[in-house]
Amino acid sequence: MNAITTPTKQQPVSAKADDLIAAGYKWNDTFSLWFGGKGYSRVLNADGKPANAEGDFWKKYGMLASQYSGEQLPLQVLQSNAGFYIGT
C-alpha cells in the first residue's frame, strides 16, 4: 500500500478497499462507511456493498430519546420561534 491507499485506523484493508479508493470513495471512521459518488450520494458498508436503508446510519428515530429513555420516537419536522428543525 502506498500513501494514497494507506488505511486509517479502522478502514478495512483489502483489495476491495484499494478499488473503492481508486473509484473516488473515502472511508469515514465515525460511521465505518465508504462515501462516494457525486456529492457523496453513495454509501457503502465496509465490505463495499450498498448500505442498507434500515441500518444504523439511516436511523428514523430520535437518537437522544432512544439513548436516554429507550423510546423510539419518530423524527418529524417541528417548528419553534427560531424556525424549523428535525426532532422528536
PDB file of N, CA and C in Angstrom:
ATOM      1  N   MET A   1       0.835  -1.182   0.000  1.00  0.00           N
ATOM      2  CA  MET A   1       0.000   0.000   0.000  1.00  0.00           C
ATOM      3  C   MET A   1       0.883   1.250   0.000  1.00  0.00           C
ATOM      4  N   ASN A   2       0.459   2.227  -0.725  1.00  0.00           N
ATOM      5  CA  ASN A   2       1.206   3.475  -0.751  1.00  0.00           C
ATOM      6  C   ASN A   2       0.510   4.515   0.111  1.00  0.00           C
ATOM      7  N   ALA A   3       1.017   5.728   0.097  1.00  0.00           N
ATOM      8  CA  ALA A   3       0.463   6.781   0.966  1.00  0.00           C
ATOM      9  C   ALA A   3      -0.991   7.100   0.621  1.00  0.00           C
ATOM     10  N   ILE A   4      -1.374   6.940  -0.626  1.00  0.00           N
ATOM     11  CA  ILE A   4      -2.741   7.268  -1.026  1.00  0.00           C
ATOM     12  C   ILE A   4      -3.722   6.228  -0.494  1.00  0.00           C
ATOM     13  N   THR A   5      -3.299   4.973  -0.457  1.00  0.00           N
ATOM     14  CA  THR A   5      -4.216   3.915  -0.049  1.00  0.00           C
ATOM     15  C   THR A   5      -3.974   3.430   1.367  1.00  0.00           C
ATOM     16  N   THR A   6      -3.107   4.094   2.126  1.00  0.00           N
ATOM     17  CA  THR A   6      -2.877   3.681   3.500  1.00  0.00           C
ATOM     18  C   THR A   6      -4.152   3.875   4.307  1.00  0.00           C
ATOM     19  N   PRO A   7      -4.641   2.815   4.925  1.00  0.00           N
ATOM     20  CA  PRO A   7      -5.912   2.916   5.641  1.00  0.00           C
ATOM     21  C   PRO A   7      -5.792   3.698   6.930  1.00  0.00           C
ATOM     22  N   THR A   8      -6.908   4.261   7.375  1.00  0.00           N
ATOM     23  CA  THR A   8      -6.952   4.877   8.679  1.00  0.00           C
ATOM     24  C   THR A   8      -7.050   3.754   9.691  1.00  0.00           C
ATOM     25  N   LYS A   9      -7.165   4.072  10.965  1.00  0.00           N
ATOM     26  CA  LYS A   9      -7.116   3.043  11.997  1.00  0.00           C
ATOM     27  C   LYS A   9      -8.205   1.989  11.876  1.00  0.00           C
ATOM     28  N   GLN A  10      -9.375   2.342  11.323  1.00  0.00           N
ATOM     29  CA  GLN A  10     -10.472   1.380  11.240  1.00  0.00           C
ATOM     30  C   GLN A  10     -10.799   0.943   9.820  1.00  0.00           C
ATOM     31  N   GLN A  11     -10.214   1.580   8.840  1.00  0.00           N
ATOM     32  CA  GLN A  11     -10.560   1.274   7.457  1.00  0.00           C
ATOM     33  C   GLN A  11     -10.217  -0.165   7.122  1.00  0.00           C
ATOM     34  N   PRO A  12     -11.102  -0.884   6.453  1.00  0.00           N
ATOM     35  CA  PRO A  12     -10.799  -2.250   6.056  1.00  0.00           C
ATOM     36  C   PRO A  12      -9.599  -2.298   5.126  1.00  0.00           C
ATOM     37  N   VAL A  13      -8.748  -3.263   5.326  1.00  0.00           N
ATOM     38  CA  VAL A  13      -7.573  -3.432   4.481  1.00  0.00           C
ATOM     39  C   VAL A  13      -7.847  -4.621   3.568  1.00  0.00           C
ATOM     40  N   SER A  14      -8.045  -4.333   2.302  1.00  0.00           N
ATOM     41  CA  SER A  14      -8.307  -5.398   1.338  1.00  0.00           C
ATOM     42  C   SER A  14      -8.132  -4.839  -0.063  1.00  0.00           C
ATOM     43  N   ALA A  15      -8.148  -5.733  -1.031  1.00  0.00           N
ATOM     44  CA  ALA A  15      -8.094  -5.292  -2.421  1.00  0.00           C
ATOM     45  C   ALA A  15      -9.327  -4.460  -2.738  1.00  0.00           C
ATOM     46  N   LYS A  16     -10.457  -4.800  -2.105  1.00  0.00           N
ATOM     47  CA  LYS A  16     -11.692  -4.043  -2.317  1.00  0.00           C
ATOM     48  C   LYS A  16     -11.504  -2.587  -1.873  1.00  0.00           C
ATOM     49  N   ALA A  17     -10.795  -2.372  -0.756  1.00  0.00           N
ATOM     50  CA  ALA A  17     -10.540  -1.019  -0.273  1.00  0.00           C
ATOM     51  C   ALA A  17      -9.752  -0.229  -1.310  1.00  0.00           C
ATOM     52  N   ASP A  18      -8.746  -0.853  -1.904  1.00  0.00           N
ATOM     53  CA  ASP A  18      -7.956  -0.183  -2.943  1.00  0.00           C
ATOM     54  C   ASP A  18      -8.838   0.182  -4.139  1.00  0.00           C
ATOM     55  N   ASP A  19      -9.749  -0.727  -4.522  1.00  0.00           N
ATOM     56  CA  ASP A  19     -10.655  -0.464  -5.640  1.00  0.00           C
ATOM     57  C   ASP A  19     -11.583   0.708  -5.327  1.00  0.00           C
ATOM     58  N   LEU A  20     -12.100   0.745  -4.099  1.00  0.00           N
ATOM     59  CA  LEU A  20     -13.008   1.828  -3.714  1.00  0.00           C
ATOM     60  C   LEU A  20     -12.283   3.172  -3.685  1.00  0.00           C
ATOM     61  N   ILE A  21     -11.067   3.187  -3.173  1.00  0.00           N
ATOM     62  CA  ILE A  21     -10.274   4.422  -3.155  1.00  0.00           C
ATOM     63  C   ILE A  21     -10.006   4.892  -4.580  1.00  0.00           C
ATOM     64  N   ALA A  22      -9.653   3.948  -5.448  1.00  0.00           N
ATOM     65  CA  ALA A  22      -9.390   4.289  -6.851  1.00  0.00           C
ATOM     66  C   ALA A  22     -10.651   4.836  -7.527  1.00  0.00           C
ATOM     67  N   ALA A  23     -11.834   4.390  -7.081  1.00  0.00           N
ATOM     68  CA  ALA A  23     -13.097   4.857  -7.646  1.00  0.00           C
ATOM     69  C   ALA A  23     -13.558   6.172  -7.025  1.00  0.00           C
ATOM     70  N   GLY A  24     -12.771   6.718  -6.092  1.00  0.00           N
ATOM     71  CA  GLY A  24     -13.102   8.020  -5.511  1.00  0.00           C
ATOM     72  C   GLY A  24     -13.845   7.971  -4.196  1.00  0.00           C
ATOM     73  N   TYR A  25     -13.997   6.782  -3.612  1.00  0.00           N
ATOM     74  CA  TYR A  25     -14.668   6.680  -2.317  1.00  0.00           C
ATOM     75  C   TYR A  25     -13.714   7.072  -1.203  1.00  0.00           C
ATOM     76  N   LYS A  26     -14.268   7.620  -0.136  1.00  0.00           N
ATOM     77  CA  LYS A  26     -13.484   7.988   1.045  1.00  0.00           C
ATOM     78  C   LYS A  26     -14.055   7.244   2.243  1.00  0.00           C
ATOM     79  N   TRP A  27     -13.166   6.712   3.075  1.00  0.00           N
ATOM     80  CA  TRP A  27     -13.568   5.975   4.270  1.00  0.00           C
ATOM     81  C   TRP A  27     -13.865   6.949   5.388  1.00  0.00           C
ATOM     82  N   ASN A  28     -14.960   6.749   6.124  1.00  0.00           N
ATOM     83  CA  ASN A  28     -15.322   7.601   7.255  1.00  0.00           C
ATOM     84  C   ASN A  28     -15.267   6.758   8.522  1.00  0.00           C
ATOM     85  N   ASP A  29     -14.284   7.045   9.397  1.00  0.00           N
ATOM     86  CA  ASP A  29     -14.106   6.289  10.641  1.00  0.00           C
ATOM     87  C   ASP A  29     -15.299   6.421  11.575  1.00  0.00           C
ATOM     88  N   THR A  30     -15.919   7.580  11.612  1.00  0.00           N
ATOM     89  CA  THR A  30     -17.025   7.816  12.526  1.00  0.00           C
ATOM     90  C   THR A  30     -18.179   6.857  12.267  1.00  0.00           C
ATOM     91  N   PHE A  31     -18.532   6.688  10.998  1.00  0.00           N
ATOM     92  CA  PHE A  31     -19.659   5.837  10.639  1.00  0.00           C
ATOM     93  C   PHE A  31     -19.244   4.448  10.184  1.00  0.00           C
ATOM     94  N   SER A  32     -17.936   4.231   9.986  1.00  0.00           N
ATOM     95  CA  SER A  32     -17.422   2.971   9.434  1.00  0.00           C
ATOM     96  C   SER A  32     -18.116   2.643   8.111  1.00  0.00           C
ATOM     97  N   LEU A  33     -18.171   3.642   7.243  1.00  0.00           N
ATOM     98  CA  LEU A  33     -18.790   3.505   5.928  1.00  0.00           C
ATOM     99  C   LEU A  33     -17.924   4.178   4.872  1.00  0.00           C
ATOM    100  N   TRP A  34     -18.082   3.751   3.620  1.00  0.00           N
ATOM    101  CA  TRP A  34     -17.456   4.395   2.466  1.00  0.00           C
ATOM    102  C   TRP A  34     -18.444   5.400   1.886  1.00  0.00           C
ATOM    103  N   PHE A  35     -17.987   6.613   1.601  1.00  0.00           N
ATOM    104  CA  PHE A  35     -18.815   7.635   0.968  1.00  0.00           C
ATOM    105  C   PHE A  35     -18.213   7.963  -0.383  1.00  0.00           C
ATOM    106  N   GLY A  36     -19.045   8.025  -1.430  1.00  0.00           N
ATOM    107  CA  GLY A  36     -18.553   8.335  -2.759  1.00  0.00           C
ATOM    108  C   GLY A  36     -19.677   8.777  -3.662  1.00  0.00           C
ATOM    109  N   GLY A  37     -19.357   8.899  -4.927  1.00  0.00           N
ATOM    110  CA  GLY A  37     -20.345   9.342  -5.897  1.00  0.00           C
ATOM    111  C   GLY A  37     -20.450  10.857  -5.894  1.00  0.00           C
ATOM    112  N   LYS A  38     -21.228  11.366  -6.804  1.00  0.00           N
ATOM    113  CA  LYS A  38     -21.401  12.816  -6.922  1.00  0.00           C
ATOM    114  C   LYS A  38     -22.047  13.346  -5.644  1.00  0.00           C
ATOM    115  N   GLY A  39     -21.362  14.243  -4.967  1.00  0.00           N
ATOM    116  CA  GLY A  39     -21.864  14.795  -3.712  1.00  0.00           C
ATOM    117  C   GLY A  39     -21.913  13.766  -2.595  1.00  0.00           C
ATOM    118  N   TYR A  40     -21.103  12.728  -2.725  1.00  0.00           N
ATOM    119  CA  TYR A  40     -21.069  11.627  -1.748  1.00  0.00           C
ATOM    120  C   TYR A  40     -22.462  11.044  -1.534  1.00  0.00           C
ATOM    121  N   SER A  41     -23.189  10.866  -2.630  1.00  0.00           N
ATOM    122  CA  SER A  41     -24.555  10.355  -2.541  1.00  0.00           C
ATOM    123  C   SER A  41     -24.613   8.844  -2.396  1.00  0.00           C
ATOM    124  N   ARG A  42     -23.499   8.164  -2.597  1.00  0.00           N
ATOM    125  CA  ARG A  42     -23.493   6.708  -2.472  1.00  0.00           C
ATOM    126  C   ARG A  42     -22.779   6.317  -1.189  1.00  0.00           C
ATOM    127  N   VAL A  43     -23.396   5.412  -0.453  1.00  0.00           N
ATOM    128  CA  VAL A  43     -22.844   4.966   0.822  1.00  0.00           C
ATOM    129  C   VAL A  43     -22.702   3.450   0.777  1.00  0.00           C
ATOM    130  N   LEU A  44     -21.497   2.969   1.110  1.00  0.00           N
ATOM    131  CA  LEU A  44     -21.223   1.542   1.094  1.00  0.00           C
ATOM    132  C   LEU A  44     -20.753   1.080   2.467  1.00  0.00           C
ATOM    133  N   ASN A  45     -21.073  -0.161   2.808  1.00  0.00           N
ATOM    134  CA  ASN A  45     -20.570  -0.767   4.044  1.00  0.00           C
ATOM    135  C   ASN A  45     -19.082  -1.055   3.897  1.00  0.00           C
ATOM    136  N   ALA A  46     -18.463  -1.501   4.961  1.00  0.00           N
ATOM    137  CA  ALA A  46     -17.036  -1.796   4.954  1.00  0.00           C
ATOM    138  C   ALA A  46     -16.664  -2.819   3.888  1.00  0.00           C
ATOM    139  N   ASP A  47     -17.573  -3.743   3.574  1.00  0.00           N
ATOM    140  CA  ASP A  47     -17.296  -4.766   2.568  1.00  0.00           C
ATOM    141  C   ASP A  47     -17.551  -4.299   1.137  1.00  0.00           C
ATOM    142  N   GLY A  48     -17.957  -3.025   0.968  1.00  0.00           N
ATOM    143  CA  GLY A  48     -18.161  -2.464  -0.354  1.00  0.00           C
ATOM    144  C   GLY A  48     -19.563  -2.642  -0.907  1.00  0.00           C
ATOM    145  N   LYS A  49     -20.463  -3.245  -0.135  1.00  0.00           N
ATOM    146  CA  LYS A  49     -21.848  -3.422  -0.577  1.00  0.00           C
ATOM    147  C   LYS A  49     -22.658  -2.194  -0.179  1.00  0.00           C
ATOM    148  N   PRO A  50     -23.705  -1.867  -0.945  1.00  0.00           N
ATOM    149  CA  PRO A  50     -24.522  -0.688  -0.600  1.00  0.00           C
ATOM    150  C   PRO A  50     -25.048  -0.773   0.828  1.00  0.00           C
ATOM    151  N   ALA A  51     -25.007   0.359   1.530  1.00  0.00           N
ATOM    152  CA  ALA A  51     -25.507   0.405   2.904  1.00  0.00           C
ATOM    153  C   ALA A  51     -27.015   0.220   2.895  1.00  0.00           C
ATOM    154  N   ASN A  52     -27.492  -0.570   3.801  1.00  0.00           N
ATOM    155  CA  ASN A  52     -28.919  -0.871   3.920  1.00  0.00           C
ATOM    156  C   ASN A  52     -29.650   0.345   4.477  1.00  0.00           C
ATOM    157  N   ALA A  53     -30.757   0.707   3.868  1.00  0.00           N
ATOM    158  CA  ALA A  53     -31.540   1.857   4.325  1.00  0.00           C
ATOM    159  C   ALA A  53     -32.085   1.636   5.730  1.00  0.00           C
ATOM    160  N   GLU A  54     -32.136   0.397   6.194  1.00  0.00           N
ATOM    161  CA  GLU A  54     -32.632   0.111   7.534  1.00  0.00           C
ATOM    162  C   GLU A  54     -31.496   0.039   8.561  1.00  0.00           C
ATOM    163  N   GLY A  55     -30.260   0.258   8.120  1.00  0.00           N
ATOM    164  CA  GLY A  55     -29.115   0.144   9.011  1.00  0.00           C
ATOM    165  C   GLY A  55     -28.997   1.288   9.997  1.00  0.00           C
ATOM    166  N   ASP A  56     -28.012   1.187  10.888  1.00  0.00           N
ATOM    167  CA  ASP A  56     -27.815   2.179  11.941  1.00  0.00           C
ATOM    168  C   ASP A  56     -27.585   3.585  11.402  1.00  0.00           C
ATOM    169  N   PHE A  57     -26.945   3.712  10.230  1.00  0.00           N
ATOM    170  CA  PHE A  57     -26.634   5.029   9.694  1.00  0.00           C
ATOM    171  C   PHE A  57     -27.900   5.800   9.323  1.00  0.00           C
ATOM    172  N   TRP A  58     -28.937   5.079   8.950  1.00  0.00           N
ATOM    173  CA  TRP A  58     -30.155   5.714   8.466  1.00  0.00           C
ATOM    174  C   TRP A  58     -31.255   5.680   9.509  1.00  0.00           C
ATOM    175  N   LYS A  59     -30.973   6.044  10.716  1.00  0.00           N
ATOM    176  CA  LYS A  59     -31.966   5.987  11.794  1.00  0.00           C
ATOM    177  C   LYS A  59     -33.156   6.887  11.481  1.00  0.00           C
ATOM    178  N   LYS A  60     -34.325   6.375  11.810  1.00  0.00           N
ATOM    179  CA  LYS A  60     -35.557   7.118  11.579  1.00  0.00           C
ATOM    180  C   LYS A  60     -36.147   7.598  12.893  1.00  0.00           C
ATOM    181  N   TYR A  61     -35.454   7.332  13.974  1.00  0.00           N
ATOM    182  CA  TYR A  61     -35.944   7.677  15.304  1.00  0.00           C
ATOM    183  C   TYR A  61     -34.975   8.619  15.993  1.00  0.00           C
ATOM    184  N   GLY A  62     -35.463   9.356  16.962  1.00  0.00           N
ATOM    185  CA  GLY A  62     -34.629  10.288  17.706  1.00  0.00           C
ATOM    186  C   GLY A  62     -33.547   9.568  18.502  1.00  0.00           C
ATOM    187  N   MET A  63     -32.297   9.932  18.267  1.00  0.00           N
ATOM    188  CA  MET A  63     -31.171   9.269  18.912  1.00  0.00           C
ATOM    189  C   MET A  63     -31.145   9.524  20.415  1.00  0.00           C
ATOM    190  N   LEU A  64     -31.343  10.762  20.846  1.00  0.00           N
ATOM    191  CA  LEU A  64     -31.277  11.079  22.276  1.00  0.00           C
ATOM    192  C   LEU A  64     -32.424  10.417  23.039  1.00  0.00           C
ATOM    193  N   ALA A  65     -33.619  10.451  22.465  1.00  0.00           N
ATOM    194  CA  ALA A  65     -34.754   9.799  23.121  1.00  0.00           C
ATOM    195  C   ALA A  65     -34.475   8.307  23.290  1.00  0.00           C
ATOM    196  N   SER A  66     -33.893   7.702  22.276  1.00  0.00           N
ATOM    197  CA  SER A  66     -33.583   6.281  22.333  1.00  0.00           C
ATOM    198  C   SER A  66     -32.519   5.984  23.387  1.00  0.00           C
ATOM    199  N   GLN A  67     -31.484   6.818  23.458  1.00  0.00           N
ATOM    200  CA  GLN A  67     -30.389   6.603  24.409  1.00  0.00           C
ATOM    201  C   GLN A  67     -30.830   6.807  25.849  1.00  0.00           C
ATOM    202  N   TYR A  68     -31.636   7.821  26.106  1.00  0.00           N
ATOM    203  CA  TYR A  68     -31.951   8.179  27.489  1.00  0.00           C
ATOM    204  C   TYR A  68     -33.250   7.575  28.028  1.00  0.00           C
ATOM    205  N   SER A  69     -34.208   7.284  27.140  1.00  0.00           N
ATOM    206  CA  SER A  69     -35.466   6.730  27.641  1.00  0.00           C
ATOM    207  C   SER A  69     -35.789   5.364  27.045  1.00  0.00           C
ATOM    208  N   GLY A  70     -35.035   4.966  26.040  1.00  0.00           N
ATOM    209  CA  GLY A  70     -35.299   3.689  25.396  1.00  0.00           C
ATOM    210  C   GLY A  70     -36.465   3.731  24.423  1.00  0.00           C
ATOM    211  N   GLU A  71     -37.079   4.890  24.248  1.00  0.00           N
ATOM    212  CA  GLU A  71     -38.225   5.032  23.341  1.00  0.00           C
ATOM    213  C   GLU A  71     -37.752   5.292  21.915  1.00  0.00           C
ATOM    214  N   GLN A  72     -38.497   4.790  20.949  1.00  0.00           N
ATOM    215  CA  GLN A  72     -38.204   5.065  19.547  1.00  0.00           C
ATOM    216  C   GLN A  72     -39.243   6.051  19.031  1.00  0.00           C
ATOM    217  N   LEU A  73     -38.972   7.325  19.249  1.00  0.00           N
ATOM    218  CA  LEU A  73     -39.876   8.383  18.800  1.00  0.00           C
ATOM    219  C   LEU A  73     -39.530   8.749  17.359  1.00  0.00           C
ATOM    220  N   PRO A  74     -40.505   8.785  16.465  1.00  0.00           N
ATOM    221  CA  PRO A  74     -40.215   9.078  15.058  1.00  0.00           C
ATOM    222  C   PRO A  74     -39.748  10.515  14.866  1.00  0.00           C
ATOM    223  N   LEU A  75     -38.793  10.693  13.945  1.00  0.00           N
ATOM    224  CA  LEU A  75     -38.329  12.038  13.602  1.00  0.00           C
ATOM    225  C   LEU A  75     -39.412  12.745  12.805  1.00  0.00           C
ATOM    226  N   GLN A  76     -39.528  14.039  13.036  1.00  0.00           N
ATOM    227  CA  GLN A  76     -40.501  14.838  12.304  1.00  0.00           C
ATOM    228  C   GLN A  76     -40.026  16.283  12.217  1.00  0.00           C
ATOM    229  N   VAL A  77     -40.598  17.025  11.294  1.00  0.00           N
ATOM    230  CA  VAL A  77     -40.272  18.436  11.161  1.00  0.00           C
ATOM    231  C   VAL A  77     -41.091  19.191  12.201  1.00  0.00           C
ATOM    232  N   LEU A  78     -40.393  19.957  13.040  1.00  0.00           N
ATOM    233  CA  LEU A  78     -41.040  20.726  14.102  1.00  0.00           C
ATOM    234  C   LEU A  78     -40.725  22.203  13.911  1.00  0.00           C
ATOM    235  N   GLN A  79     -41.474  23.058  14.614  1.00  0.00           N
ATOM    236  CA  GLN A  79     -41.260  24.496  14.493  1.00  0.00           C
ATOM    237  C   GLN A  79     -41.164  25.116  15.876  1.00  0.00           C
ATOM    238  N   SER A  80     -40.234  26.066  16.000  1.00  0.00           N
ATOM    239  CA  SER A  80     -40.108  26.853  17.225  1.00  0.00           C
ATOM    240  C   SER A  80     -40.065  28.330  16.819  1.00  0.00           C
ATOM    241  N   ASN A  81     -39.906  29.208  17.785  1.00  0.00           N
ATOM    242  CA  ASN A  81     -39.792  30.637  17.469  1.00  0.00           C
ATOM    243  C   ASN A  81     -38.551  30.918  16.625  1.00  0.00           C
ATOM    244  N   ALA A  82     -37.551  30.050  16.746  1.00  0.00           N
ATOM    245  CA  ALA A  82     -36.306  30.238  15.981  1.00  0.00           C
ATOM    246  C   ALA A  82     -36.412  29.716  14.554  1.00  0.00           C
ATOM    247  N   GLY A  83     -37.419  28.895  14.272  1.00  0.00           N
ATOM    248  CA  GLY A  83     -37.572  28.353  12.919  1.00  0.00           C
ATOM    249  C   GLY A  83     -37.923  26.868  12.953  1.00  0.00           C
ATOM    250  N   PHE A  84     -37.656  26.188  11.839  1.00  0.00           N
ATOM    251  CA  PHE A  84     -37.973  24.775  11.710  1.00  0.00           C
ATOM    252  C   PHE A  84     -36.757  23.927  12.072  1.00  0.00           C
ATOM    253  N   TYR A  85     -37.009  22.718  12.563  1.00  0.00           N
ATOM    254  CA  TYR A  85     -35.931  21.768  12.870  1.00  0.00           C
ATOM    255  C   TYR A  85     -36.478  20.348  12.814  1.00  0.00           C
ATOM    256  N   ILE A  86     -35.594  19.389  12.742  1.00  0.00           N
ATOM    257  CA  ILE A  86     -35.976  17.984  12.756  1.00  0.00           C
ATOM    258  C   ILE A  86     -35.742  17.467  14.153  1.00  0.00           C
ATOM    259  N   GLY A  87     -36.754  16.888  14.740  1.00  0.00           N
ATOM    260  CA  GLY A  87     -36.636  16.384  16.113  1.00  0.00           C
ATOM    261  C   GLY A  87     -37.744  15.420  16.420  1.00  0.00           C
ATOM    262  N   THR A  88     -37.946  15.190  17.734  1.00  0.00           N
ATOM    263  CA  THR A  88     -38.988  14.255  18.164  1.00  0.00           C
ATOM    264  C   THR A  88     -40.076  15.039  18.870  1.00  0.00           C
TER     265      THR A  88
END
